[in-house]
Protein backbone atom coordinates (compact mmCIF):
# COMPACT_ATOMS: atom_id res chain seq x y z
CA MET A 1 -17.29 89.30 -91.00
CA PRO A 2 -19.41 89.57 -87.78
CA SER A 3 -18.22 91.95 -85.10
CA ALA A 4 -16.66 90.50 -81.95
CA ALA A 5 -18.93 90.34 -78.90
CA ALA A 6 -18.01 92.47 -75.89
CA ASP A 7 -16.04 90.69 -73.21
CA PRO A 8 -18.25 89.45 -70.37
CA ARG A 9 -18.20 91.54 -67.20
CA ILE A 10 -17.11 89.93 -63.96
CA VAL A 11 -18.90 91.45 -60.99
CA ASP A 12 -17.82 91.11 -57.37
CA ILE A 13 -20.95 90.70 -55.22
CA TYR A 14 -19.07 92.27 -52.29
CA CYS A 15 -18.18 95.48 -54.15
CA GLY A 16 -20.48 98.26 -55.20
CA LYS A 17 -23.08 100.40 -53.52
CA TRP A 18 -26.17 99.09 -51.71
CA GLN A 19 -29.47 100.94 -52.27
CA GLU A 20 -32.53 100.82 -50.05
CA HIS A 21 -35.42 99.11 -51.78
CA THR A 22 -38.14 101.55 -52.79
CA ARG A 23 -40.98 99.26 -51.63
CA PHE A 24 -39.50 97.34 -48.71
CA SER A 25 -38.16 99.54 -45.90
CA GLY A 26 -34.82 98.44 -44.44
CA VAL A 27 -34.17 95.99 -47.29
CA PHE A 28 -31.13 96.77 -49.43
CA TYR A 29 -30.11 95.59 -52.87
CA LYS A 30 -27.50 96.09 -55.53
CA VAL A 31 -27.75 95.35 -59.21
CA LEU A 32 -25.09 92.87 -60.30
CA LEU A 33 -25.91 91.99 -63.92
CA THR A 34 -28.45 93.69 -66.18
CA SER A 35 -30.08 92.87 -69.49
CA ALA A 36 -27.03 94.54 -71.11
CA ASP A 37 -24.97 91.64 -69.69
CA ASN A 38 -27.53 88.91 -70.33
CA SER A 39 -30.56 89.53 -72.53
CA HIS A 40 -32.40 86.69 -70.77
CA ALA A 41 -31.98 87.66 -67.09
CA ASN A 42 -30.92 90.24 -64.54
CA ILE A 43 -29.31 89.42 -61.21
CA ASN A 44 -29.34 91.32 -57.91
CA ALA A 45 -27.90 90.84 -54.44
CA VAL A 46 -30.36 91.53 -51.59
CA GLN A 47 -29.87 92.00 -47.82
CA VAL A 48 -32.75 91.64 -45.37
CA PRO A 49 -31.93 92.71 -41.78
CA PRO A 50 -32.88 90.62 -38.72
CA GLY A 51 -36.66 90.81 -38.38
CA GLY A 52 -36.89 92.42 -41.82
CA VAL A 53 -39.62 91.62 -44.31
CA ILE A 54 -39.97 91.64 -48.05
CA GLY A 55 -43.73 92.09 -48.20
CA SER A 56 -46.14 90.12 -50.34
CA HIS A 57 -45.81 90.90 -54.03
CA SER A 58 -45.78 89.20 -57.42
CA HIS A 59 -44.13 89.74 -60.78
CA PRO A 60 -46.46 89.95 -63.79
CA PHE A 61 -43.90 88.88 -66.42
CA GLU A 62 -40.86 87.40 -64.65
CA ILE A 63 -39.90 84.17 -62.95
CA GLU A 64 -37.92 85.06 -59.82
CA THR A 65 -35.29 82.56 -58.76
CA VAL A 66 -33.95 83.19 -55.25
CA TYR A 67 -30.82 81.63 -53.72
CA VAL A 68 -30.05 82.13 -50.02
CA ILE A 69 -26.35 82.93 -49.66
CA SER A 70 -26.51 83.24 -45.87
CA GLY A 71 -29.01 83.51 -43.03
CA ASN A 72 -32.31 82.03 -41.94
CA SER A 73 -35.73 83.08 -43.14
CA SER A 74 -39.20 81.90 -43.94
CA ILE A 75 -40.70 82.33 -47.39
CA ARG A 76 -44.37 82.37 -48.28
CA ILE A 77 -45.18 81.32 -51.83
CA GLY A 78 -48.90 81.43 -52.49
CA SER A 79 -50.45 79.88 -49.37
CA ASN A 80 -47.37 77.82 -48.43
CA GLU A 81 -44.93 79.05 -45.79
CA LEU A 82 -41.58 77.29 -45.72
CA SER A 83 -38.24 77.53 -43.94
CA PHE A 84 -35.76 79.15 -46.38
CA ASN A 85 -32.14 79.08 -45.25
CA ALA A 86 -28.55 79.31 -46.50
CA GLY A 87 -28.03 76.97 -49.44
CA HIS A 88 -31.72 76.85 -50.42
CA ILE A 89 -32.95 77.94 -53.85
CA VAL A 90 -36.44 78.34 -55.32
CA SER A 91 -38.01 79.54 -58.58
CA ILE A 92 -41.22 81.49 -58.11
CA PRO A 93 -43.60 81.34 -61.08
CA VAL A 94 -44.97 84.42 -62.82
CA GLY A 95 -47.90 86.02 -60.99
CA ILE A 96 -47.56 84.08 -57.70
CA ASN A 97 -47.65 86.19 -54.51
CA HIS A 98 -44.60 85.67 -52.33
CA SER A 99 -42.92 87.25 -49.31
CA LEU A 100 -39.90 86.67 -47.09
CA HIS A 101 -39.29 87.21 -43.36
CA ASN A 102 -35.81 87.13 -41.80
CA THR A 103 -36.24 84.86 -38.76
CA GLY A 104 -32.58 84.86 -37.71
CA LEU A 105 -30.20 87.07 -35.76
CA CYS A 106 -28.09 88.05 -38.79
CA ALA A 107 -28.88 89.62 -42.15
CA VAL A 108 -30.20 87.28 -44.82
CA GLU A 109 -28.24 87.61 -48.05
CA LEU A 110 -29.95 86.58 -51.27
CA LEU A 111 -29.15 86.33 -54.93
CA THR A 112 -32.23 87.08 -57.07
CA ILE A 113 -32.44 86.19 -60.75
CA PHE A 114 -35.28 87.50 -62.91
CA THR A 115 -36.13 85.85 -66.23
CA PRO A 116 -36.85 87.63 -68.44
CA PRO A 117 -35.08 90.73 -67.05
CA ILE A 118 -37.17 93.27 -65.16
CA ALA A 119 -37.56 96.27 -67.43
């Protein structure tokens, strides 16, 4: 008889400790779900302060899907710069340079989903 799967974890996005991003000064994140929770994705919450920037970067193996929980920003994907505000969502293909700039007066809060999970 197969063993029972572990019960899924419920994570409260508003609980837990924020960490400063190692590459993007002033940007904070917290890991919500890891590959131990979902072998196909990991999910983080991200906060970008007013005027803050997530600099241009790409992911060599992962699709990054970003949902804006709150705030106003602009996102550059490849050579396209677009308004990216609360309620917007985008999937960024593997290997495409992208960046984000908080253009508002409040922190931008994001949910980032990486598929497959970042190792």
